[in-house]
C-alpha atoms as a PDB file:
ATOM      1  CA  MET A   1     130.157 120.625  85.630  1.00  0.00           C
ATOM      2  CA  PRO A   2     129.058 120.730  89.299  1.00  0.00           C
ATOM      3  CA  GLU A   3     129.510 117.433  91.064  1.00  0.00           C
ATOM      4  CA  PRO A   4     126.108 115.783  91.536  1.00  0.00           C
ATOM      5  CA  VAL A   5     125.728 114.064  94.866  1.00  0.00           C
ATOM      6  CA  LEU A   6     122.971 111.624  95.718  1.00  0.00           C
ATOM      7  CA  HIS A   7     123.168 110.956  99.427  1.00  0.00           C
ATOM      8  CA  ARG A   8     122.198 107.507 100.678  1.00  0.00           C
ATOM      9  CA  ALA A   9     120.361 106.485  97.531  1.00  0.00           C
ATOM     10  CA  GLY A  10     118.372 103.420  98.388  1.00  0.00           C
ATOM     11  CA  SER A  11     117.069 103.907 101.894  1.00  0.00           C
ATOM     12  CA  THR A  12     113.613 105.204 100.985  1.00  0.00           C
ATOM     13  CA  LEU A  13     110.382 103.293 100.566  1.00  0.00           C
ATOM     14  CA  PRO A  14     106.765 104.412 100.790  1.00  0.00           C
ATOM     15  CA  SER A  15     105.734 104.350 104.427  1.00  0.00           C
ATOM     16  CA  ASN A  16     103.053 101.720 103.846  1.00  0.00           C
ATOM     17  CA  THR A  17     105.326  99.270 102.012  1.00  0.00           C
ATOM     18  CA  ASN A  18     106.430  96.032 103.613  1.00  0.00           C
ATOM     19  CA  GLU A  19     110.176  96.125 102.990  1.00  0.00           C
ATOM     20  CA  GLY A  20     111.159  93.487 100.494  1.00  0.00           C
ATOM     21  CA  SER A  21     108.276  91.113 100.889  1.00  0.00           C
ATOM     22  CA  VAL A  22     105.239  92.841  99.440  1.00  0.00           C
ATOM     23  CA  PRO A  23     102.823  89.982  98.802  1.00  0.00           C
ATOM     24  CA  PRO A  24     101.508  89.427  95.291  1.00  0.00           C
ATOM     25  CA  THR A  25      98.198  91.016  94.377  1.00  0.00           C
ATOM     26  CA  PRO A  26      95.143  88.781  93.967  1.00  0.00           C
ATOM     27  CA  ALA A  27      95.404  89.169  90.188  1.00  0.00           C
ATOM     28  CA  THR A  28      98.891  87.685  90.080  1.00  0.00           C
ATOM     29  CA  LEU A  29      98.029  84.735  92.283  1.00  0.00           C
ATOM     30  CA  THR A  30      96.147  83.000  89.491  1.00  0.00           C
ATOM     31  CA  GLN A  31      98.573  83.761  86.655  1.00  0.00           C
ATOM     32  CA  GLY A  32     101.021  81.317  85.158  1.00  0.00           C
ATOM     33  CA  GLY A  33      99.591  78.273  86.888  1.00  0.00           C
ATOM     34  CA  ARG A  34     100.795  79.411  90.274  1.00  0.00           C
ATOM     35  CA  VAL A  35      99.863  77.230  93.231  1.00  0.00           C
ATOM     36  CA  PRO A  36      97.089  78.905  95.245  1.00  0.00           C
ATOM     37  CA  PRO A  37      98.432  80.879  98.218  1.00  0.00           C
ATOM     38  CA  SER A  38      98.637  79.432 101.680  1.00  0.00           C
ATOM     39  CA  PRO A  39      96.322  80.935 104.327  1.00  0.00           C
ATOM     40  CA  VAL A  40      99.224  83.048 105.644  1.00  0.00           C
ATOM     41  CA  GLU A  41     100.082  84.335 102.158  1.00  0.00           C
ATOM     42  CA  GLY A  42      96.447  85.230 101.646  1.00  0.00           C
ATOM     43  CA  GLN A  43      96.358  87.089 104.947  1.00  0.00           C
ATOM     44  CA  LEU A  44      99.450  89.082 103.980  1.00  0.00           C
ATOM     45  CA  VAL A  45      97.943  89.909 100.587  1.00  0.00           C
ATOM     46  CA  LEU A  46      94.841  91.268 102.297  1.00  0.00           C
ATOM     47  CA  ALA A  47      96.957  93.153 104.815  1.00  0.00           C
ATOM     48  CA  GLN A  48      98.839  94.931 102.016  1.00  0.00           C
ATOM     49  CA  ILE A  49      95.548  95.814 100.324  1.00  0.00           C
ATOM     50  CA  TYR A  50      94.338  97.356 103.587  1.00  0.00           C
ATOM     51  CA  LEU A  51      97.621  99.266 103.901  1.00  0.00           C
ATOM     52  CA  ASP A  52      97.284 100.594 100.367  1.00  0.00           C
ATOM     53  CA  ARG A  53      93.771 101.788 101.213  1.00  0.00           C
ATOM     54  CA  GLY A  54      94.920 103.450 104.436  1.00  0.00           C
ATOM     55  CA  GLN A  55      92.929 101.020 106.592  1.00  0.00           C
ATOM     56  CA  MET A  56      95.712 100.586 109.124  1.00  0.00           C
ATOM     57  CA  GLN A  57      93.768  98.949 111.947  1.00  0.00           C
ATOM     58  CA  ALA A  58      92.398  96.279 109.623  1.00  0.00           C
ATOM     59  CA  ALA A  59      95.872  95.746 108.190  1.00  0.00           C
ATOM     60  CA  PHE A  60      97.440  95.322 111.616  1.00  0.00           C
ATOM     61  CA  SER A  61      94.796  92.813 112.685  1.00  0.00           C
ATOM     62  CA  MET A  62      95.441  90.720 109.580  1.00  0.00           C
ATOM     63  CA  ILE A  63      99.233  90.899 109.996  1.00  0.00           C
ATOM     64  CA  GLU A  64      99.004  89.919 113.650  1.00  0.00           C
ATOM     65  CA  VAL A  65      96.923  86.857 112.807  1.00  0.00           C
ATOM     66  CA  ALA A  66      99.344  85.853 110.051  1.00  0.00           C
ATOM     67  CA  ALA A  67     102.347  86.208 112.381  1.00  0.00           C
ATOM     68  CA  ARG A  68     100.910  83.627 114.773  1.00  0.00           C
ATOM     69  CA  SER A  69     101.978  81.053 112.199  1.00  0.00           C
ATOM     70  CA  GLY A  70     105.612  81.829 112.958  1.00  0.00           C
ATOM     71  CA  GLN A  71     106.360  82.150 109.253  1.00  0.00           C
ATOM     72  CA  PRO A  72     109.232  84.586 108.691  1.00  0.00           C
ATOM     73  CA  ALA A  73     107.506  86.769 106.082  1.00  0.00           C
ATOM     74  CA  ALA A  74     104.627  87.375 108.498  1.00  0.00           C
ATOM     75  CA  LEU A  75     106.961  88.012 111.442  1.00  0.00           C
ATOM     76  CA  ASN A  76     108.912  90.485 109.325  1.00  0.00           C
ATOM     77  CA  MET A  77     105.720  92.274 108.305  1.00  0.00           C
ATOM     78  CA  LEU A  78     104.610  92.488 111.926  1.00  0.00           C
ATOM     79  CA  GLY A  79     107.974  94.021 112.714  1.00  0.00           C
ATOM     80  CA  ARG A  80     107.375  96.564 109.980  1.00  0.00           C
ATOM     81  CA  ALA A  81     103.970  97.343 111.477  1.00  0.00           C
ATOM     82  CA  TYR A  82     105.561  98.165 114.831  1.00  0.00           C
ATOM     83  CA  GLU A  83     108.396 100.069 113.163  1.00  0.00           C
ATOM     84  CA  ARG A  84     106.071 102.176 111.003  1.00  0.00           C
ATOM     85  CA  GLY A  85     103.029 102.384 113.255  1.00  0.00           C
ATOM     86  CA  TRP A  86     100.577 100.598 110.980  1.00  0.00           C
ATOM     87  CA  GLY A  87      97.486 100.502 113.183  1.00  0.00           C
ATOM     88  CA  VAL A  88      99.588 100.282 116.342  1.00  0.00           C
ATOM     89  CA  THR A  89     101.735 102.634 118.408  1.00  0.00           C
ATOM     90  CA  PRO A  90     105.227 102.661 116.864  1.00  0.00           C
ATOM     91  CA  ASN A  91     107.701 100.687 118.935  1.00  0.00           C
ATOM     92  CA  PRO A  92     111.084 100.032 117.301  1.00  0.00           C
ATOM     93  CA  LEU A  93     112.217  97.728 120.102  1.00  0.00           C
ATOM     94  CA  VAL A  94     109.208  95.464 119.571  1.00  0.00           C
ATOM     95  CA  ALA A  95     109.838  95.694 115.810  1.00  0.00           C
ATOM     96  CA  MET A  96     113.392  94.581 116.459  1.00  0.00           C
ATOM     97  CA  GLN A  97     112.190  91.481 118.306  1.00  0.00           C
ATOM     98  CA  TYR A  98     110.052  90.381 115.369  1.00  0.00           C
ATOM     99  CA  PHE A  99     112.807  91.096 112.859  1.00  0.00           C
ATOM    100  CA  GLU A 100     115.171  88.983 114.961  1.00  0.00           C
ATOM    101  CA  MET A 101     112.669  86.116 115.022  1.00  0.00           C
ATOM    102  CA  ALA A 102     112.402  86.237 111.228  1.00  0.00           C
ATOM    103  CA  ALA A 103     116.165  86.601 110.837  1.00  0.00           C
ATOM    104  CA  GLY A 104     116.549  83.482 112.963  1.00  0.00           C
ATOM    105  CA  GLN A 105     114.931  81.664 110.042  1.00  0.00           C
ATOM    106  CA  ASN A 106     117.432  83.258 107.615  1.00  0.00           C
ATOM    107  CA  TYR A 107     114.838  85.620 106.170  1.00  0.00           C
ATOM    108  CA  GLY A 108     116.839  88.140 104.155  1.00  0.00           C
ATOM    109  CA  TRP A 109     114.619  91.175 104.544  1.00  0.00           C
ATOM    110  CA  ALA A 110     114.574  90.767 108.296  1.00  0.00           C
ATOM    111  CA  PHE A 111     118.371  91.158 108.286  1.00  0.00           C
ATOM    112  CA  PHE A 112     117.934  94.239 106.111  1.00  0.00           C
ATOM    113  CA  ASN A 113     115.317  95.801 108.381  1.00  0.00           C
ATOM    114  CA  LEU A 114     117.456  95.151 111.454  1.00  0.00           C
ATOM    115  CA  ALA A 115     120.377  96.806 109.695  1.00  0.00           C
ATOM    116  CA  ASP A 116     118.246  99.872 108.998  1.00  0.00           C
ATOM    117  CA  LEU A 117     117.343 100.122 112.688  1.00  0.00           C
ATOM    118  CA  TYR A 118     121.020 100.040 113.681  1.00  0.00           C
ATOM    119  CA  MET A 119     121.921 102.555 110.969  1.00  0.00           C
ATOM    120  CA  ALA A 120     119.302 105.008 112.169  1.00  0.00           C
ATOM    121  CA  GLY A 121     119.783 104.347 115.886  1.00  0.00           C
ATOM    122  CA  HIS A 122     116.023 103.835 115.851  1.00  0.00           C
ATOM    123  CA  GLY A 123     115.453 101.618 118.876  1.00  0.00           C
ATOM    124  CA  PRO A 124     118.907 100.143 119.370  1.00  0.00           C
ATOM    125  CA  PRO A 125     121.871 102.544 119.664  1.00  0.00           C
ATOM    126  CA  ARG A 126     123.376 103.497 116.322  1.00  0.00           C
ATOM    127  CA  ASP A 127     125.955 100.905 115.329  1.00  0.00           C
ATOM    128  CA  VAL A 128     127.279 101.173 111.779  1.00  0.00           C
ATOM    129  CA  ALA A 129     129.517  98.113 112.102  1.00  0.00           C
ATOM    130  CA  ARG A 130     126.585  95.995 113.254  1.00  0.00           C
ATOM    131  CA  ALA A 131     124.435  97.370 110.434  1.00  0.00           C
ATOM    132  CA  TYR A 132     127.140  96.517 107.906  1.00  0.00           C
ATOM    133  CA  GLY A 133     127.259  92.914 109.075  1.00  0.00           C
ATOM    134  CA  LEU A 134     123.485  92.615 108.847  1.00  0.00           C
ATOM    135  CA  TYR A 135     123.441  94.067 105.328  1.00  0.00           C
ATOM    136  CA  VAL A 136     126.025  91.424 104.390  1.00  0.00           C
ATOM    137  CA  GLN A 137     123.751  88.709 105.786  1.00  0.00           C
ATOM    138  CA  ALA A 138     120.809  90.184 103.878  1.00  0.00           C
ATOM    139  CA  ALA A 139     122.832  90.185 100.660  1.00  0.00           C
ATOM    140  CA  GLN A 140     123.894  86.598 101.242  1.00  0.00           C
ATOM    141  CA  ALA A 141     120.211  85.727 101.612  1.00  0.00           C
ATOM    142  CA  GLY A 142     119.465  87.261  98.210  1.00  0.00           C
ATOM    143  CA  VAL A 143     118.397  90.839  98.982  1.00  0.00           C
ATOM    144  CA  ALA A 144     119.753  92.954  96.114  1.00  0.00           C
ATOM    145  CA  LYS A 145     119.069  96.239  97.880  1.00  0.00           C
ATOM    146  CA  ALA A 146     121.500  95.215 100.617  1.00  0.00           C
ATOM    147  CA  LEU A 147     124.304  95.239  98.035  1.00  0.00           C
ATOM    148  CA  ASN A 148     123.534  98.887  97.375  1.00  0.00           C
ATOM    149  CA  MET A 149     123.603  99.720 101.084  1.00  0.00           C
ATOM    150  CA  ILE A 150     126.975  97.989 101.487  1.00  0.00           C
ATOM    151  CA  GLY A 151     128.230 100.104  98.614  1.00  0.00           C
ATOM    152  CA  LEU A 152     127.001 103.267 100.318  1.00  0.00           C
ATOM    153  CA  LEU A 153     128.796 102.370 103.525  1.00  0.00           C
ATOM    154  CA  HIS A 154     132.043 101.816 101.661  1.00  0.00           C
ATOM    155  CA  GLU A 155     131.657 105.101  99.812  1.00  0.00           C
ATOM    156  CA  ASP A 156     130.665 107.099 102.899  1.00  0.00           C
ATOM    157  CA  ASN A 157     133.069 105.673 105.456  1.00  0.00           C
ATOM    158  CA  SER A 158     136.301 104.845 103.649  1.00  0.00           C
ATOM    159  CA  PRO A 159     138.579 107.315 101.820  1.00  0.00           C
ATOM    160  CA  LYS A 160     139.464 104.576  99.333  1.00  0.00           C
ATOM    161  CA  GLY A 161     136.062 102.923  99.323  1.00  0.00           C
ATOM    162  CA  LEU A 162     134.682 104.264  96.057  1.00  0.00           C
ATOM    163  CA  SER A 163     136.089 101.498  93.857  1.00  0.00           C
ATOM    164  CA  VAL A 164     134.664  98.860  96.189  1.00  0.00           C
ATOM    165  CA  ALA A 165     131.370 100.732  96.372  1.00  0.00           C
ATOM    166  CA  ARG A 166     131.140 100.743  92.593  1.00  0.00           C
ATOM    167  CA  GLU A 167     131.380  96.935  92.528  1.00  0.00           C
ATOM    168  CA  TYR A 168     128.497  96.641  94.983  1.00  0.00           C
ATOM    169  CA  TYR A 169     126.354  99.191  93.133  1.00  0.00           C
ATOM    170  CA  GLU A 170     126.888  97.344  89.872  1.00  0.00           C
ATOM    171  CA  ALA A 171     126.013  94.004  91.467  1.00  0.00           C
ATOM    172  CA  ALA A 172     122.860  95.538  92.947  1.00  0.00           C
ATOM    173  CA  ALA A 173     121.879  97.002  89.575  1.00  0.00           C
ATOM    174  CA  GLU A 174     122.448  93.681  87.811  1.00  0.00           C
ATOM    175  CA  ALA A 175     120.214  92.022  90.405  1.00  0.00           C
ATOM    176  CA  GLY A 176     117.400  94.489  89.648  1.00  0.00           C
ATOM    177  CA  ASP A 177     117.800  97.060  92.415  1.00  0.00           C
ATOM    178  CA  CYS A 178     116.819 100.529  91.196  1.00  0.00           C
ATOM    179  CA  TRP A 179     119.024 102.300  93.766  1.00  0.00           C
ATOM    180  CA  GLY A 180     122.099 100.406  92.673  1.00  0.00           C
ATOM    181  CA  ALA A 181     121.364 101.436  89.082  1.00  0.00           C
ATOM    182  CA  LEU A 182     120.856 105.041  90.158  1.00  0.00           C
ATOM    183  CA  ASN A 183     124.134 105.134  92.046  1.00  0.00           C
ATOM    184  CA  MET A 184     125.935 103.693  89.023  1.00  0.00           C
ATOM    185  CA  ALA A 185     124.374 106.459  86.911  1.00  0.00           C
ATOM    186  CA  ARG A 186     125.510 109.035  89.459  1.00  0.00           C
ATOM    187  CA  LEU A 187     129.116 107.829  89.405  1.00  0.00           C
ATOM    188  CA  ALA A 188     129.155 107.658  85.611  1.00  0.00           C
ATOM    189  CA  LEU A 189     127.785 111.198  85.439  1.00  0.00           C
ATOM    190  CA  GLN A 190     130.412 112.458  87.858  1.00  0.00           C
ATOM    191  CA  ASN A 191     133.096 110.891  85.653  1.00  0.00           C
ATOM    192  CA  GLY A 192     131.644 112.450  82.505  1.00  0.00           C
ATOM    193  CA  ASN A 193     130.659 109.069  81.049  1.00  0.00           C
ATOM    194  CA  ILE A 194     127.324 110.131  79.589  1.00  0.00           C
ATOM    195  CA  SER A 195     126.623 106.927  77.666  1.00  0.00           C
ATOM    196  CA  MET A 196     127.063 104.796  80.780  1.00  0.00           C
ATOM    197  CA  ALA A 197     124.978 107.243  82.818  1.00  0.00           C
ATOM    198  CA  ARG A 198     122.159 106.918  80.269  1.00  0.00           C
ATOM    199  CA  GLU A 199     122.376 103.127  80.411  1.00  0.00           C
ATOM    200  CA  PHE A 200     121.936 103.054  84.174  1.00  0.00           C
ATOM    201  CA  PHE A 201     119.282 105.774  84.199  1.00  0.00           C
ATOM    202  CA  GLN A 202     117.313 103.556  81.833  1.00  0.00           C
ATOM    203  CA  LYS A 203     117.734 100.622  84.221  1.00  0.00           C
ATOM    204  CA  THR A 204     116.447 102.861  87.010  1.00  0.00           C
ATOM    205  CA  LEU A 205     113.335 103.652  84.986  1.00  0.00           C
ATOM    206  CA  GLU A 206     112.712  99.944  84.444  1.00  0.00           C
ATOM    207  CA  THR A 207     112.980  98.992  88.124  1.00  0.00           C
ATOM    208  CA  GLY A 208     112.239 102.128  90.165  1.00  0.00           C
ATOM    209  CA  PHE A 209     109.347 103.675  92.061  1.00  0.00           C
ATOM    210  CA  GLU A 210     108.339 107.193  93.066  1.00  0.00           C
ATOM    211  CA  ALA A 211     111.102 108.028  95.558  1.00  0.00           C
ATOM    212  CA  CYS A 212     113.743 106.696  93.189  1.00  0.00           C
ATOM    213  CA  PHE A 213     112.330 108.672  90.257  1.00  0.00           C
ATOM    214  CA  LEU A 214     112.338 111.865  92.324  1.00  0.00           C
ATOM    215  CA  ASP A 215     116.037 111.411  93.080  1.00  0.00           C
ATOM    216  CA  MET A 216     116.653 110.590  89.447  1.00  0.00           C
ATOM    217  CA  LYS A 217     115.130 113.934  88.429  1.00  0.00           C
ATOM    218  CA  LYS A 218     117.645 115.736  90.636  1.00  0.00           C
ATOM    219  CA  LEU A 219     120.529 113.967  88.937  1.00  0.00           C
ATOM    220  CA  LEU A 220     119.178 114.515  85.447  1.00  0.00           C
ATOM    221  CA  ALA A 221     119.539 118.250  86.026  1.00  0.00           C
ATOM    222  CA  PHE A 222     123.286 117.653  85.630  1.00  0.00           C
ATOM    223  CA  MET A 223     122.931 115.823  82.295  1.00  0.00           C
ATOM    224  CA  PRO A 224     123.855 117.821  79.172  1.00  0.00           C
ATOM    225  CA  ALA A 225     120.574 118.963  77.614  1.00  0.00           C
ATOM    226  CA  PRO A 226     120.690 116.912  74.408  1.00  0.00           C
ATOM    227  CA  TYR A 227     121.178 113.692  76.377  1.00  0.00           C
ATOM    228  CA  GLY A 228     118.870 114.132  79.339  1.00  0.00           C
ATOM    229  CA  ALA A 229     115.670 115.568  77.881  1.00  0.00           C
ATOM    230  CA  ASP A 230     114.136 112.230  76.877  1.00  0.00           C
ATOM    231  CA  LEU A 231     115.062 110.655  80.206  1.00  0.00           C
ATOM    232  CA  MET A 232     113.493 113.557  82.092  1.00  0.00           C
ATOM    233  CA  ALA A 233     110.304 113.192  80.050  1.00  0.00           C
ATOM    234  CA  ARG A 234     110.129 109.467  80.761  1.00  0.00           C
ATOM    235  CA  THR A 235     110.795 110.057  84.454  1.00  0.00           C
ATOM    236  CA  ASN A 236     107.932 112.535  84.624  1.00  0.00           C
ATOM    237  CA  GLN A 237     105.686 110.001  82.880  1.00  0.00           C
ATOM    238  CA  CYS A 238     106.578 107.387  85.481  1.00  0.00           C
ATOM    239  CA  LEU A 239     105.812 109.820  88.283  1.00  0.00           C
ATOM    240  CA  CYS A 240     102.452 110.688  86.741  1.00  0.00           C
ATOM    241  CA  LYS A 241     101.531 107.002  86.536  1.00  0.00           C
ATOM    242  CA  GLN A 242     102.302 106.524  90.222  1.00  0.00           C
ATOM    243  CA  ALA A 243     100.532 109.687  91.385  1.00  0.00           C
END
């Protein structure tokens, strides 16, 4: 069987998504007796709605107002706006400043976003060691996706790193990260462990989104036909729902 390779599984999000801190929708704010949102939370909810509608200028204005509070989630989202160019000229160095302000308050996703900048050399010079340390800080602050990224760095940069990487992927999957589950499925598939691959593909379906499902389809092409057909059908259903 050809060796399936999924490069850097876990570094992709829709371009209008606020990494790791997408505010709840208005419908969820009133469920389960939740305390009404603070003004800043409400502003971030509206900003995400504007982003989803493609109204980038309105989104940026709302994010900028929210960030004046100094709350880390709002600072992080403003950093994302400058990183992605949501209603403003992209400026990764300005994004970095806001991520650092949020990270100074131990905000996990700000560590993660800083790590991504260093990994890509997008703004600051590329520094894998610095990125690794920031992913560790993000993981310590509760960001499951950071565990997956640490696993990738072990797998990609150390000849003996695969066993360590596997531990991080599994931890990420157990914490609900779809990319960690997908990488566990990939490794199981490479080892010919079809039952384990199916288990982690199913976890991916439960926690994933479009980019993850697209990568999953590529891997499912390596599954023996009797075992992968139902998973492929379910993956296509998920993609249709998100279209």
